[in-house]
């Protein structure tokens, strides 16, 4: 049975397995990795100004489109969308994009949480995904635990 550590910033909270550590890097936001290096997480908060009009779900869709574009730019990878969800409420919108590159045994799940003025973008990586169903089961409690601080995100869980 895995044990978890709670991680909390001013914008989001998350439960990660206790063998994961923060990795210093050149990315904005945070990067965490499993001890064996087979799994990772990149997470960042983006401030959204009034120059970005539109609804929260439009904002979440824009970030999902950016995720897709990033995947398409990865030369040598053919990504299959295994699942996509969008749940919009008046105060928060949550989007999920599950992508799998079978030839490389590589899975990435993006979870986008948007609320007025901020977007939290998390990218969960399974670098040695030997089976999609097993990866879904392994990551589900971690992905489900990611929530906005001071915002209600009940209801959407990834299973």
Protein backbone atom coordinates (compact mmCIF):
# COMPACT_ATOMS: atom_id res chain seq x y z
CA UNK A 1 0.00 0.00 0.00
CA UNK A 2 1.38 3.37 -1.01
CA UNK A 3 1.67 6.24 1.42
CA UNK A 4 1.36 9.85 0.34
CA UNK A 5 2.61 13.30 1.24
CA UNK A 6 0.38 16.34 0.99
CA UNK A 7 1.80 19.22 -1.03
CA UNK A 8 0.13 22.61 -0.95
CA UNK A 9 0.86 25.96 -2.54
CA UNK A 10 -1.16 29.16 -2.54
CA UNK A 11 -3.03 27.94 -5.63
CA UNK A 12 -3.29 24.15 -5.51
CA UNK A 13 -2.97 21.07 -3.33
CA UNK A 14 -1.92 17.55 -4.27
CA UNK A 15 -1.09 14.17 -2.72
CA UNK A 16 2.04 12.49 -4.10
CA UNK A 17 3.56 9.12 -3.19
CA UNK A 18 6.09 9.60 -0.43
CA UNK A 19 8.98 8.39 -2.60
CA UNK A 20 8.52 11.30 -5.04
CA UNK A 21 10.84 14.28 -4.78
CA UNK A 22 10.98 17.76 -6.22
CA UNK A 23 13.42 18.17 -9.08
CA UNK A 24 15.23 21.40 -9.75
CA UNK A 25 14.97 22.36 -13.35
CA UNK A 26 14.59 25.11 -15.85
CA UNK A 27 10.81 24.93 -16.04
CA UNK A 28 8.35 27.39 -14.64
CA UNK A 29 6.40 25.87 -11.82
CA UNK A 30 7.24 22.60 -10.12
CA UNK A 31 8.59 19.26 -11.29
CA UNK A 32 8.31 16.09 -9.21
CA UNK A 33 9.60 12.63 -10.03
CA UNK A 34 9.32 9.12 -8.64
CA UNK A 35 12.45 7.69 -7.03
CA UNK A 36 12.95 5.25 -9.92
CA UNK A 37 12.45 7.97 -12.55
CA UNK A 38 9.62 6.16 -14.34
CA UNK A 39 6.94 8.72 -13.47
CA UNK A 40 6.85 12.48 -13.23
CA UNK A 41 4.70 15.55 -12.82
CA UNK A 42 5.05 19.10 -14.09
CA UNK A 43 2.70 21.68 -12.58
CA UNK A 44 2.43 25.43 -13.02
CA UNK A 45 0.04 28.23 -12.19
CA UNK A 46 -0.74 30.78 -14.89
CA UNK A 47 -2.15 34.22 -14.12
CA UNK A 48 -4.88 35.17 -16.59
CA UNK A 49 -5.51 38.86 -17.11
CA UNK A 50 -8.51 40.68 -18.49
CA UNK A 51 -7.00 40.54 -21.98
CA UNK A 52 -8.22 36.92 -22.11
CA UNK A 53 -11.98 37.27 -22.31
CA UNK A 54 -14.25 34.29 -22.45
CA UNK A 55 -15.65 31.64 -20.18
CA UNK A 56 -13.67 29.34 -17.91
CA UNK A 57 -14.41 26.38 -20.17
CA UNK A 58 -13.09 28.30 -23.20
CA UNK A 59 -9.92 28.98 -21.22
CA UNK A 60 -9.60 25.31 -20.24
CA UNK A 61 -10.18 24.27 -23.87
CA UNK A 62 -7.42 26.66 -24.97
CA UNK A 63 -4.97 25.01 -22.54
CA UNK A 64 -6.03 21.54 -23.72
CA UNK A 65 -5.41 22.64 -27.32
CA UNK A 66 -1.94 23.83 -26.26
CA UNK A 67 -1.31 20.41 -24.68
CA UNK A 68 -2.30 18.71 -27.94
CA UNK A 69 -0.03 21.00 -29.94
CA UNK A 70 2.89 20.18 -27.64
CA UNK A 71 2.31 16.46 -28.15
CA UNK A 72 2.07 16.87 -31.92
CA UNK A 73 5.42 18.69 -31.88
CA UNK A 74 7.17 15.67 -30.33
CA UNK A 75 8.90 14.14 -33.34
CA UNK A 76 8.80 10.37 -33.55
CA UNK A 77 5.74 10.03 -31.29
CA UNK A 78 2.25 9.08 -32.44
CA UNK A 79 -0.22 10.06 -29.72
CA UNK A 80 -3.64 8.52 -29.27
CA UNK A 81 -6.25 10.32 -27.20
CA UNK A 82 -7.43 7.74 -24.68
CA UNK A 83 -9.87 10.05 -22.94
CA UNK A 84 -10.95 13.64 -22.66
CA UNK A 85 -13.30 15.24 -20.13
CA UNK A 86 -14.52 18.73 -19.39
CA UNK A 87 -16.57 19.77 -16.39
CA UNK A 88 -17.60 23.39 -16.11
CA UNK A 89 -19.13 25.06 -13.07
CA UNK A 90 -19.63 28.76 -12.36
CA UNK A 91 -16.43 29.11 -10.30
CA UNK A 92 -14.12 26.46 -11.77
CA UNK A 93 -13.64 24.39 -14.89
CA UNK A 94 -11.70 21.12 -14.94
CA UNK A 95 -10.41 19.52 -18.13
CA UNK A 96 -8.56 16.22 -18.57
CA UNK A 97 -6.67 14.95 -21.60
CA UNK A 98 -5.26 11.41 -21.51
CA UNK A 99 -2.74 10.69 -24.29
CA UNK A 100 -0.76 7.54 -25.01
CA UNK A 101 2.19 6.89 -27.35
CA UNK A 102 2.05 3.09 -27.52
CA UNK A 103 5.29 2.56 -29.44
CA UNK A 104 7.27 4.38 -26.75
CA UNK A 105 5.20 3.10 -23.78
CA UNK A 106 4.66 6.73 -22.81
CA UNK A 107 1.48 8.19 -21.30
CA UNK A 108 0.73 11.82 -20.44
CA UNK A 109 -2.37 13.04 -18.64
CA UNK A 110 -3.01 16.77 -18.55
CA UNK A 111 -5.31 18.17 -15.89
CA UNK A 112 -6.32 21.79 -16.31
CA UNK A 113 -8.09 23.66 -13.52
CA UNK A 114 -9.31 27.13 -14.46
CA UNK A 115 -10.96 29.76 -12.31
CA UNK A 116 -11.26 33.50 -12.72
CA UNK A 117 -7.76 34.95 -12.98
CA UNK A 118 -5.80 31.68 -12.73
CA UNK A 119 -5.19 28.38 -14.46
CA UNK A 120 -3.33 25.46 -12.91
CA UNK A 121 -1.88 23.15 -15.54
CA UNK A 122 -0.56 19.75 -14.46
CA UNK A 123 1.05 17.18 -16.72
CA UNK A 124 1.38 13.65 -15.29
CA UNK A 125 3.95 11.47 -17.10
CA UNK A 126 4.31 7.69 -17.15
CA UNK A 127 7.60 7.23 -18.99
CA UNK A 128 7.40 3.41 -18.90
CA UNK A 129 3.69 2.79 -19.41
CA UNK A 130 3.56 -0.94 -19.99
CA UNK A 131 -0.24 -0.94 -20.02
CA UNK A 132 -2.77 1.88 -20.19
CA UNK A 133 -5.23 0.35 -17.69
CA UNK A 134 -2.49 -0.23 -15.10
CA UNK A 135 -1.25 3.34 -15.54
CA UNK A 136 -4.80 4.69 -15.12
CA UNK A 137 -5.19 2.76 -11.87
CA UNK A 138 -1.77 3.82 -10.59
CA UNK A 139 -2.22 7.55 -11.31
CA UNK A 140 -5.94 7.92 -10.47
CA UNK A 141 -5.48 8.78 -6.76
CA UNK A 142 -2.79 11.33 -7.59
CA UNK A 143 -4.70 12.99 -10.43
CA UNK A 144 -7.88 13.00 -8.35
CA UNK A 145 -6.10 14.67 -5.45
CA UNK A 146 -5.09 17.76 -7.44
CA UNK A 147 -7.42 20.58 -6.45
CA UNK A 148 -7.49 24.33 -6.45
CA UNK A 149 -7.01 25.95 -3.09
CA UNK A 150 -9.99 28.04 -2.00
CA UNK A 151 -12.16 26.68 -4.79
CA UNK A 152 -14.57 23.79 -4.92
CA UNK A 153 -13.47 21.06 -7.31
CA UNK A 154 -15.67 18.23 -6.07
CA UNK A 155 -17.27 15.93 -8.55
CA UNK A 156 -14.73 15.23 -11.28
CA UNK A 157 -12.54 12.23 -10.66
CA UNK A 158 -10.47 10.31 -13.19
CA UNK A 159 -10.85 6.52 -13.13
